[in-house]
Amino acid sequence: MSPHWRLALWYAAWICVGAAPVGVVVWSLYGAVYAGAFLYGVVMGAASFVSIAATVSMLTAPSKVWQGLGMAFFAARYGFVAAALGIPAYAGLWPLAPMLFGFAAVYVAENVVLLPGVSRVLGSTRAKRATDVRPRRKKLERRIVER
């Protein structure tokens, strides 16, 4: 399994595990319909996030056919999100705010969970690069003498 698939599935699993207690709290405060709408938004957000791994797999494939499919899949992801959130909202199947909150919470949690890891990776890469480079000379002070 490639690293981006492992990261996407690990993240989606943790988000779903973390959303379950929030769904229980929403259920106890507002009822089953609101909790269902919230969890639907979370699942759609997680599905959208996992589809990023599929897109990366296609875009990094050596075949031009797969790369073309990856570009089409990238655009189709937004259509999927628009349909998955727009159709229930337009049809009035359940409350809109909890569904959108659940979807947005996935992307906020993505930043909270993934950015520290990216910082660690970039930081170790920069530190390694800094040790490889020969030491720089100190910048000399430049003075202008008026005559």
C-alpha atoms as a PDB file:
ATOM      1  CA  MET A   1       0.000   0.000   0.000  1.00  0.00           C
ATOM      2  CA  SER A   2       1.433   3.355  -0.990  1.00  0.00           C
ATOM      3  CA  PRO A   3       2.030   6.030   1.652  1.00  0.00           C
ATOM      4  CA  HIS A   4      -0.707   8.377   0.414  1.00  0.00           C
ATOM      5  CA  TRP A   5      -3.297   5.556   0.531  1.00  0.00           C
ATOM      6  CA  ARG A   6      -2.174   4.561   4.008  1.00  0.00           C
ATOM      7  CA  LEU A   7      -2.378   8.173   5.166  1.00  0.00           C
ATOM      8  CA  ALA A   8      -5.818   8.695   3.610  1.00  0.00           C
ATOM      9  CA  LEU A   9      -7.341   5.524   5.060  1.00  0.00           C
ATOM     10  CA  TRP A  10      -5.740   6.073   8.480  1.00  0.00           C
ATOM     11  CA  TYR A  11      -7.017   9.627   8.579  1.00  0.00           C
ATOM     12  CA  ALA A  12     -10.536   8.691   7.411  1.00  0.00           C
ATOM     13  CA  ALA A  13     -10.761   5.954  10.033  1.00  0.00           C
ATOM     14  CA  TRP A  14      -9.696   8.312  12.830  1.00  0.00           C
ATOM     15  CA  ILE A  15     -12.095  11.002  11.678  1.00  0.00           C
ATOM     16  CA  CYS A  16     -14.988   8.546  11.684  1.00  0.00           C
ATOM     17  CA  VAL A  17     -13.996   7.290  15.141  1.00  0.00           C
ATOM     18  CA  GLY A  18     -13.790  10.867  16.404  1.00  0.00           C
ATOM     19  CA  ALA A  19     -17.098  11.843  14.796  1.00  0.00           C
ATOM     20  CA  ALA A  20     -19.030   9.048  16.495  1.00  0.00           C
ATOM     21  CA  PRO A  21     -18.982  10.605  20.006  1.00  0.00           C
ATOM     22  CA  VAL A  22     -19.788  14.002  18.515  1.00  0.00           C
ATOM     23  CA  GLY A  23     -22.734  12.373  16.734  1.00  0.00           C
ATOM     24  CA  VAL A  24     -23.910  10.916  20.042  1.00  0.00           C
ATOM     25  CA  VAL A  25     -23.750  14.374  21.646  1.00  0.00           C
ATOM     26  CA  VAL A  26     -25.676  15.894  18.730  1.00  0.00           C
ATOM     27  CA  TRP A  27     -28.233  13.087  19.016  1.00  0.00           C
ATOM     28  CA  SER A  28     -28.731  13.710  22.743  1.00  0.00           C
ATOM     29  CA  LEU A  29     -29.051  17.486  22.290  1.00  0.00           C
ATOM     30  CA  TYR A  30     -31.016  17.788  19.037  1.00  0.00           C
ATOM     31  CA  GLY A  31     -32.325  14.361  18.063  1.00  0.00           C
ATOM     32  CA  ALA A  32     -31.675  11.601  15.566  1.00  0.00           C
ATOM     33  CA  VAL A  33     -32.326  13.646  12.417  1.00  0.00           C
ATOM     34  CA  TYR A  34     -29.644  16.206  13.269  1.00  0.00           C
ATOM     35  CA  ALA A  35     -27.173  13.492  14.289  1.00  0.00           C
ATOM     36  CA  GLY A  36     -27.828  11.629  11.038  1.00  0.00           C
ATOM     37  CA  ALA A  37     -27.277  14.784   9.008  1.00  0.00           C
ATOM     38  CA  PHE A  38     -24.035  15.480  10.868  1.00  0.00           C
ATOM     39  CA  LEU A  39     -22.712  11.956  10.380  1.00  0.00           C
ATOM     40  CA  TYR A  40     -23.726  12.013   6.704  1.00  0.00           C
ATOM     41  CA  GLY A  41     -21.650  15.179   6.262  1.00  0.00           C
ATOM     42  CA  VAL A  42     -18.691  13.549   8.016  1.00  0.00           C
ATOM     43  CA  VAL A  43     -18.894  10.436   5.831  1.00  0.00           C
ATOM     44  CA  MET A  44     -19.086  12.535   2.659  1.00  0.00           C
ATOM     45  CA  GLY A  45     -16.080  14.565   3.798  1.00  0.00           C
ATOM     46  CA  ALA A  46     -14.107  11.400   4.565  1.00  0.00           C
ATOM     47  CA  ALA A  47     -15.056   9.908   1.183  1.00  0.00           C
ATOM     48  CA  SER A  48     -13.918  13.098  -0.510  1.00  0.00           C
ATOM     49  CA  PHE A  49     -10.626  12.969   1.372  1.00  0.00           C
ATOM     50  CA  VAL A  50      -9.997   9.308   0.479  1.00  0.00           C
ATOM     51  CA  SER A  51     -10.710  10.105  -3.161  1.00  0.00           C
ATOM     52  CA  ILE A  52      -7.673  12.400  -3.043  1.00  0.00           C
ATOM     53  CA  ALA A  53      -5.521   9.282  -2.693  1.00  0.00           C
ATOM     54  CA  ALA A  54      -7.121   7.808  -5.817  1.00  0.00           C
ATOM     55  CA  THR A  55      -6.482  11.046  -7.677  1.00  0.00           C
ATOM     56  CA  VAL A  56      -2.822  11.116  -6.611  1.00  0.00           C
ATOM     57  CA  SER A  57      -2.393   7.488  -7.648  1.00  0.00           C
ATOM     58  CA  MET A  58      -3.753   8.261 -11.092  1.00  0.00           C
ATOM     59  CA  LEU A  59      -1.845  11.510 -11.557  1.00  0.00           C
ATOM     60  CA  THR A  60       1.484   9.930 -10.620  1.00  0.00           C
ATOM     61  CA  ALA A  61       1.035   6.869 -12.852  1.00  0.00           C
ATOM     62  CA  PRO A  62       3.500   6.544 -15.728  1.00  0.00           C
ATOM     63  CA  SER A  63       0.746   6.098 -18.309  1.00  0.00           C
ATOM     64  CA  LYS A  64      -0.754   9.183 -19.956  1.00  0.00           C
ATOM     65  CA  VAL A  65      -4.144   7.438 -19.958  1.00  0.00           C
ATOM     66  CA  TRP A  66      -4.079   7.137 -16.163  1.00  0.00           C
ATOM     67  CA  GLN A  67      -2.918  10.727 -15.816  1.00  0.00           C
ATOM     68  CA  GLY A  68      -5.826  11.868 -18.003  1.00  0.00           C
ATOM     69  CA  LEU A  69      -8.219   9.830 -15.882  1.00  0.00           C
ATOM     70  CA  GLY A  70      -6.668  11.409 -12.795  1.00  0.00           C
ATOM     71  CA  MET A  71      -7.403  14.899 -14.114  1.00  0.00           C
ATOM     72  CA  ALA A  72     -10.982  13.891 -14.898  1.00  0.00           C
ATOM     73  CA  PHE A  73     -11.321  12.270 -11.471  1.00  0.00           C
ATOM     74  CA  PHE A  74     -10.000  15.439  -9.827  1.00  0.00           C
ATOM     75  CA  ALA A  75     -12.790  17.469 -11.421  1.00  0.00           C
ATOM     76  CA  ALA A  76     -15.372  14.747 -10.746  1.00  0.00           C
ATOM     77  CA  ARG A  77     -14.616  14.866  -7.020  1.00  0.00           C
ATOM     78  CA  TYR A  78     -16.093  18.354  -6.830  1.00  0.00           C
ATOM     79  CA  GLY A  79     -19.156  17.211  -8.733  1.00  0.00           C
ATOM     80  CA  PHE A  80     -19.542  14.341  -6.273  1.00  0.00           C
ATOM     81  CA  VAL A  81     -19.355  16.705  -3.302  1.00  0.00           C
ATOM     82  CA  ALA A  82     -21.831  19.120  -4.897  1.00  0.00           C
ATOM     83  CA  ALA A  83     -24.284  16.305  -5.588  1.00  0.00           C
ATOM     84  CA  ALA A  84     -23.759  14.530  -2.262  1.00  0.00           C
ATOM     85  CA  LEU A  85     -24.426  17.689  -0.286  1.00  0.00           C
ATOM     86  CA  GLY A  86     -26.641  19.607  -2.700  1.00  0.00           C
ATOM     87  CA  ILE A  87     -29.291  17.001  -3.471  1.00  0.00           C
ATOM     88  CA  PRO A  88     -30.244  16.298   0.173  1.00  0.00           C
ATOM     89  CA  ALA A  89     -30.161  20.038   0.891  1.00  0.00           C
ATOM     90  CA  TYR A  90     -32.350  20.886  -2.105  1.00  0.00           C
ATOM     91  CA  ALA A  91     -34.776  18.066  -1.383  1.00  0.00           C
ATOM     92  CA  GLY A  92     -34.987  19.083   2.271  1.00  0.00           C
ATOM     93  CA  LEU A  93     -34.228  15.567   3.493  1.00  0.00           C
ATOM     94  CA  TRP A  94     -32.635  16.784   6.702  1.00  0.00           C
ATOM     95  CA  PRO A  95     -31.275  19.960   8.296  1.00  0.00           C
ATOM     96  CA  LEU A  96     -28.611  21.676   6.258  1.00  0.00           C
ATOM     97  CA  ALA A  97     -26.419  23.163   9.019  1.00  0.00           C
ATOM     98  CA  PRO A  98     -25.396  19.890  10.741  1.00  0.00           C
ATOM     99  CA  MET A  99     -24.601  18.276   7.390  1.00  0.00           C
ATOM    100  CA  LEU A 100     -22.391  21.171   6.299  1.00  0.00           C
ATOM    101  CA  PHE A 101     -20.821  21.380   9.750  1.00  0.00           C
ATOM    102  CA  GLY A 102     -19.912  17.684   9.620  1.00  0.00           C
ATOM    103  CA  PHE A 103     -18.413  18.088   6.143  1.00  0.00           C
ATOM    104  CA  ALA A 104     -16.459  21.206   7.096  1.00  0.00           C
ATOM    105  CA  ALA A 105     -15.284  19.610  10.354  1.00  0.00           C
ATOM    106  CA  VAL A 106     -13.534  16.899   8.334  1.00  0.00           C
ATOM    107  CA  TYR A 107     -11.483  19.501   6.482  1.00  0.00           C
ATOM    108  CA  VAL A 108     -10.701  21.450   9.646  1.00  0.00           C
ATOM    109  CA  ALA A 109      -9.636  18.239  11.368  1.00  0.00           C
ATOM    110  CA  GLU A 110      -7.553  17.395   8.303  1.00  0.00           C
ATOM    111  CA  ASN A 111      -5.543  20.554   8.801  1.00  0.00           C
ATOM    112  CA  VAL A 112      -5.201  19.994  12.535  1.00  0.00           C
ATOM    113  CA  VAL A 113      -4.084  16.375  12.115  1.00  0.00           C
ATOM    114  CA  LEU A 114      -1.992  16.542   8.959  1.00  0.00           C
ATOM    115  CA  LEU A 115      -0.191  19.888   9.183  1.00  0.00           C
ATOM    116  CA  PRO A 116       1.993  18.963  12.180  1.00  0.00           C
ATOM    117  CA  GLY A 117       3.128  15.850  10.296  1.00  0.00           C
ATOM    118  CA  VAL A 118       3.924  17.898   7.221  1.00  0.00           C
ATOM    119  CA  SER A 119       5.850  20.351   9.389  1.00  0.00           C
ATOM    120  CA  ARG A 120       7.887  17.502  10.861  1.00  0.00           C
ATOM    121  CA  VAL A 121       8.649  16.107   7.414  1.00  0.00           C
ATOM    122  CA  LEU A 122       9.603  19.499   6.021  1.00  0.00           C
ATOM    123  CA  GLY A 123      11.589  20.358   9.125  1.00  0.00           C
ATOM    124  CA  SER A 124      13.637  17.157   8.966  1.00  0.00           C
ATOM    125  CA  THR A 125      14.224  17.686   5.252  1.00  0.00           C
ATOM    126  CA  ARG A 126      15.404  21.240   5.854  1.00  0.00           C
ATOM    127  CA  ALA A 127      17.622  20.168   8.741  1.00  0.00           C
ATOM    128  CA  LYS A 128      19.171  17.435   6.619  1.00  0.00           C
ATOM    129  CA  ARG A 129      19.691  19.882   3.755  1.00  0.00           C
ATOM    130  CA  ALA A 130      21.289  22.407   6.125  1.00  0.00           C
ATOM    131  CA  THR A 131      23.863  19.868   7.327  1.00  0.00           C
ATOM    132  CA  ASP A 132      24.767  18.960   3.756  1.00  0.00           C
ATOM    133  CA  VAL A 133      25.527  22.520   2.773  1.00  0.00           C
ATOM    134  CA  ARG A 134      28.956  23.868   3.605  1.00  0.00           C
ATOM    135  CA  PRO A 135      28.989  26.566   6.251  1.00  0.00           C
ATOM    136  CA  ARG A 136      28.330  30.021   4.944  1.00  0.00           C
ATOM    137  CA  ARG A 137      30.630  32.877   5.609  1.00  0.00           C
ATOM    138  CA  LYS A 138      29.363  35.536   7.906  1.00  0.00           C
ATOM    139  CA  LYS A 139      28.004  38.574   6.194  1.00  0.00           C
ATOM    140  CA  LEU A 140      30.549  41.334   6.342  1.00  0.00           C
ATOM    141  CA  GLU A 141      29.522  44.714   7.542  1.00  0.00           C
ATOM    142  CA  ARG A 142      29.656  47.335   4.848  1.00  0.00           C
ATOM    143  CA  ARG A 143      30.511  50.851   5.826  1.00  0.00           C
ATOM    144  CA  ILE A 144      30.236  53.943   3.711  1.00  0.00           C
ATOM    145  CA  VAL A 145      32.856  56.557   4.390  1.00  0.00           C
ATOM    146  CA  GLU A 146      31.946  60.114   3.510  1.00  0.00           C
ATOM    147  CA  ARG A 147      34.666  62.412   2.189  1.00  0.00           C
END
